[in-house]
Amino acid sequence: MAAGAPLPSDADPLAVAEAFVAAWDAHDLEATLALVTDDCVFESARPASNGARVQGRDELRRVWGPSFGAGGGSMETEATFAAGERVVQQWRFVDGDRVVRGVDLLRVRDGRICEKLGYVKA
């Protein structure tokens, strides 16, 4: 299966989340977008955005695009677990001396992420 290709509709939510993170970590916007539903809801973990809500693949492309081209920093997944259609990922972003820790709450529908809600530790 090609990287970022949608998984079968009955795919395990944890496998979907892992494929999504792999595409994100590879800075492959199109592969990442292939793993979300057309109506995916995203709430940013960035504190400045105050949880701004974006919906739909086209809006995600617009919002995520600039960060996929930007260098610097790295994301590290610390823990991931699934409960039914929901997946929780604890992560940390490291950029030099700056460390940001957070959690993403994902929901999977038909082998794709349909909701990604981010929260950061202030």
C-alpha atoms as a PDB file:
ATOM      1  CA  MET A   1       0.000   0.000   0.000  1.00  0.00           C
ATOM      2  CA  ALA A   2       1.343   3.457  -0.907  1.00  0.00           C
ATOM      3  CA  ALA A   3       2.311   5.786   1.919  1.00  0.00           C
ATOM      4  CA  GLY A   4      -0.637   7.948   2.867  1.00  0.00           C
ATOM      5  CA  ALA A   5      -3.108   5.839   0.925  1.00  0.00           C
ATOM      6  CA  PRO A   6      -6.424   5.497   2.715  1.00  0.00           C
ATOM      7  CA  LEU A   7      -6.700   2.309   4.710  1.00  0.00           C
ATOM      8  CA  PRO A   8      -9.631  -0.083   4.333  1.00  0.00           C
ATOM      9  CA  SER A   9     -12.859   1.284   5.805  1.00  0.00           C
ATOM     10  CA  ASP A  10     -12.714  -1.348   8.560  1.00  0.00           C
ATOM     11  CA  ALA A  11      -9.081  -0.572   9.472  1.00  0.00           C
ATOM     12  CA  ASP A  12      -8.174  -0.505  13.130  1.00  0.00           C
ATOM     13  CA  PRO A  13      -8.292   3.115  14.384  1.00  0.00           C
ATOM     14  CA  LEU A  14      -4.813   2.748  15.881  1.00  0.00           C
ATOM     15  CA  ALA A  15      -3.409   1.704  12.481  1.00  0.00           C
ATOM     16  CA  VAL A  16      -5.107   4.715  10.868  1.00  0.00           C
ATOM     17  CA  ALA A  17      -3.604   7.061  13.477  1.00  0.00           C
ATOM     18  CA  GLU A  18      -0.154   5.534  13.012  1.00  0.00           C
ATOM     19  CA  ALA A  19      -0.356   5.951   9.212  1.00  0.00           C
ATOM     20  CA  PHE A  20      -1.484   9.554   9.708  1.00  0.00           C
ATOM     21  CA  VAL A  21       1.454  10.327  12.018  1.00  0.00           C
ATOM     22  CA  ALA A  22       3.894   8.686   9.586  1.00  0.00           C
ATOM     23  CA  ALA A  23       2.604  10.850   6.711  1.00  0.00           C
ATOM     24  CA  TRP A  24       2.702  13.969   8.934  1.00  0.00           C
ATOM     25  CA  ASP A  25       6.248  13.207  10.128  1.00  0.00           C
ATOM     26  CA  ALA A  26       7.334  12.729   6.491  1.00  0.00           C
ATOM     27  CA  HIS A  27       6.033  16.265   5.789  1.00  0.00           C
ATOM     28  CA  ASP A  28       3.881  14.773   3.011  1.00  0.00           C
ATOM     29  CA  LEU A  29       0.820  17.007   2.884  1.00  0.00           C
ATOM     30  CA  GLU A  30      -0.989  15.031   0.174  1.00  0.00           C
ATOM     31  CA  ALA A  31      -0.425  11.708   1.959  1.00  0.00           C
ATOM     32  CA  THR A  32      -1.654  13.269   5.206  1.00  0.00           C
ATOM     33  CA  LEU A  33      -4.756  14.683   3.525  1.00  0.00           C
ATOM     34  CA  ALA A  34      -5.489  11.299   1.934  1.00  0.00           C
ATOM     35  CA  LEU A  35      -5.917   9.947   5.474  1.00  0.00           C
ATOM     36  CA  VAL A  36      -8.645  12.423   6.510  1.00  0.00           C
ATOM     37  CA  THR A  37     -12.315  12.504   5.552  1.00  0.00           C
ATOM     38  CA  ASP A  38     -13.689  15.194   3.234  1.00  0.00           C
ATOM     39  CA  ASP A  39     -15.470  16.754   6.228  1.00  0.00           C
ATOM     40  CA  CYS A  40     -12.675  16.318   8.795  1.00  0.00           C
ATOM     41  CA  VAL A  41     -12.804  18.716  11.762  1.00  0.00           C
ATOM     42  CA  PHE A  42      -9.519  20.087  13.100  1.00  0.00           C
ATOM     43  CA  GLU A  43      -8.943  22.209  16.186  1.00  0.00           C
ATOM     44  CA  SER A  44      -5.374  23.438  16.486  1.00  0.00           C
ATOM     45  CA  ALA A  45      -3.259  22.779  19.560  1.00  0.00           C
ATOM     46  CA  ARG A  46      -1.443  26.084  19.063  1.00  0.00           C
ATOM     47  CA  PRO A  47      -2.242  28.342  22.002  1.00  0.00           C
ATOM     48  CA  ALA A  48      -2.366  31.491  19.874  1.00  0.00           C
ATOM     49  CA  SER A  49      -5.157  30.045  17.755  1.00  0.00           C
ATOM     50  CA  ASN A  50      -7.308  29.392  20.829  1.00  0.00           C
ATOM     51  CA  GLY A  51      -8.500  26.115  19.358  1.00  0.00           C
ATOM     52  CA  ALA A  52      -9.547  27.632  16.032  1.00  0.00           C
ATOM     53  CA  ARG A  53     -11.815  25.162  14.249  1.00  0.00           C
ATOM     54  CA  VAL A  54     -11.291  24.243  10.600  1.00  0.00           C
ATOM     55  CA  GLN A  55     -13.459  21.828   8.649  1.00  0.00           C
ATOM     56  CA  GLY A  56     -12.951  20.083   5.334  1.00  0.00           C
ATOM     57  CA  ARG A  57      -9.988  18.784   3.368  1.00  0.00           C
ATOM     58  CA  ASP A  58      -9.580  22.002   1.327  1.00  0.00           C
ATOM     59  CA  GLU A  59      -9.387  24.126   4.482  1.00  0.00           C
ATOM     60  CA  LEU A  60      -6.953  21.662   6.044  1.00  0.00           C
ATOM     61  CA  ARG A  61      -4.715  21.976   2.984  1.00  0.00           C
ATOM     62  CA  ARG A  62      -4.780  25.771   3.388  1.00  0.00           C
ATOM     63  CA  VAL A  63      -4.044  25.668   7.137  1.00  0.00           C
ATOM     64  CA  TRP A  64      -1.544  22.790   7.220  1.00  0.00           C
ATOM     65  CA  GLY A  65       0.282  23.629   3.976  1.00  0.00           C
ATOM     66  CA  PRO A  66       2.592  26.348   5.352  1.00  0.00           C
ATOM     67  CA  SER A  67       3.756  24.222   8.290  1.00  0.00           C
ATOM     68  CA  PHE A  68       4.589  21.273   6.021  1.00  0.00           C
ATOM     69  CA  GLY A  69       7.046  23.456   4.112  1.00  0.00           C
ATOM     70  CA  ALA A  70       8.563  25.028   7.231  1.00  0.00           C
ATOM     71  CA  GLY A  71      11.651  23.491   8.745  1.00  0.00           C
ATOM     72  CA  GLY A  72      12.722  23.347  12.343  1.00  0.00           C
ATOM     73  CA  GLY A  73      11.631  21.301  15.262  1.00  0.00           C
ATOM     74  CA  SER A  74      10.523  17.731  15.516  1.00  0.00           C
ATOM     75  CA  MET A  75       7.440  15.938  16.776  1.00  0.00           C
ATOM     76  CA  GLU A  76       7.838  12.934  19.032  1.00  0.00           C
ATOM     77  CA  THR A  77       4.930  10.665  19.904  1.00  0.00           C
ATOM     78  CA  GLU A  78       5.202   9.668  23.567  1.00  0.00           C
ATOM     79  CA  ALA A  79       2.153   7.419  23.867  1.00  0.00           C
ATOM     80  CA  THR A  80      -0.796   6.332  21.745  1.00  0.00           C
ATOM     81  CA  PHE A  81      -3.839   4.268  22.627  1.00  0.00           C
ATOM     82  CA  ALA A  82      -7.250   3.576  21.144  1.00  0.00           C
ATOM     83  CA  ALA A  83     -10.692   3.123  22.625  1.00  0.00           C
ATOM     84  CA  GLY A  84     -13.170   2.171  19.943  1.00  0.00           C
ATOM     85  CA  GLU A  85     -13.158   4.810  17.183  1.00  0.00           C
ATOM     86  CA  ARG A  86     -11.152   7.237  19.331  1.00  0.00           C
ATOM     87  CA  VAL A  87      -7.377   7.514  19.517  1.00  0.00           C
ATOM     88  CA  VAL A  88      -5.370   9.528  22.039  1.00  0.00           C
ATOM     89  CA  GLN A  89      -1.833  10.616  21.216  1.00  0.00           C
ATOM     90  CA  GLN A  90       0.479  12.263  23.716  1.00  0.00           C
ATOM     91  CA  TRP A  91       3.301  14.145  21.976  1.00  0.00           C
ATOM     92  CA  ARG A  92       6.049  16.681  22.378  1.00  0.00           C
ATOM     93  CA  PHE A  93       7.435  19.206  19.927  1.00  0.00           C
ATOM     94  CA  VAL A  94      11.113  20.095  20.325  1.00  0.00           C
ATOM     95  CA  ASP A  95      12.746  23.072  18.622  1.00  0.00           C
ATOM     96  CA  GLY A  96      16.128  23.864  20.163  1.00  0.00           C
ATOM     97  CA  ASP A  97      15.536  24.683  23.840  1.00  0.00           C
ATOM     98  CA  ARG A  98      11.778  25.029  23.319  1.00  0.00           C
ATOM     99  CA  VAL A  99       9.645  22.024  24.242  1.00  0.00           C
ATOM    100  CA  VAL A 100       5.864  21.965  23.874  1.00  0.00           C
ATOM    101  CA  ARG A 101       3.859  19.006  25.135  1.00  0.00           C
ATOM    102  CA  GLY A 102       0.355  18.182  24.066  1.00  0.00           C
ATOM    103  CA  VAL A 103      -2.359  15.681  23.312  1.00  0.00           C
ATOM    104  CA  ASP A 104      -4.366  15.029  20.160  1.00  0.00           C
ATOM    105  CA  LEU A 105      -7.771  13.401  20.350  1.00  0.00           C
ATOM    106  CA  LEU A 106      -8.563  11.684  17.065  1.00  0.00           C
ATOM    107  CA  ARG A 107     -11.737  10.048  15.825  1.00  0.00           C
ATOM    108  CA  VAL A 108     -11.668   7.550  12.965  1.00  0.00           C
ATOM    109  CA  ARG A 109     -14.496   6.855  10.536  1.00  0.00           C
ATOM    110  CA  ASP A 110     -14.306   4.454   7.575  1.00  0.00           C
ATOM    111  CA  GLY A 111     -10.514   4.147   7.727  1.00  0.00           C
ATOM    112  CA  ARG A 112      -9.810   7.887   7.885  1.00  0.00           C
ATOM    113  CA  ILE A 113      -9.400  10.581  10.532  1.00  0.00           C
ATOM    114  CA  CYS A 114     -12.651  12.560  10.783  1.00  0.00           C
ATOM    115  CA  GLU A 115     -11.705  14.640  13.829  1.00  0.00           C
ATOM    116  CA  LYS A 116      -8.390  15.912  15.210  1.00  0.00           C
ATOM    117  CA  LEU A 117      -8.637  18.006  18.348  1.00  0.00           C
ATOM    118  CA  GLY A 118      -5.354  19.304  19.773  1.00  0.00           C
ATOM    119  CA  TYR A 119      -4.528  20.480  23.292  1.00  0.00           C
ATOM    120  CA  VAL A 120      -1.240  21.805  24.671  1.00  0.00           C
ATOM    121  CA  LYS A 121       0.197  22.069  28.144  1.00  0.00           C
ATOM    122  CA  ALA A 122       0.584  25.739  29.011  1.00  0.00           C
END
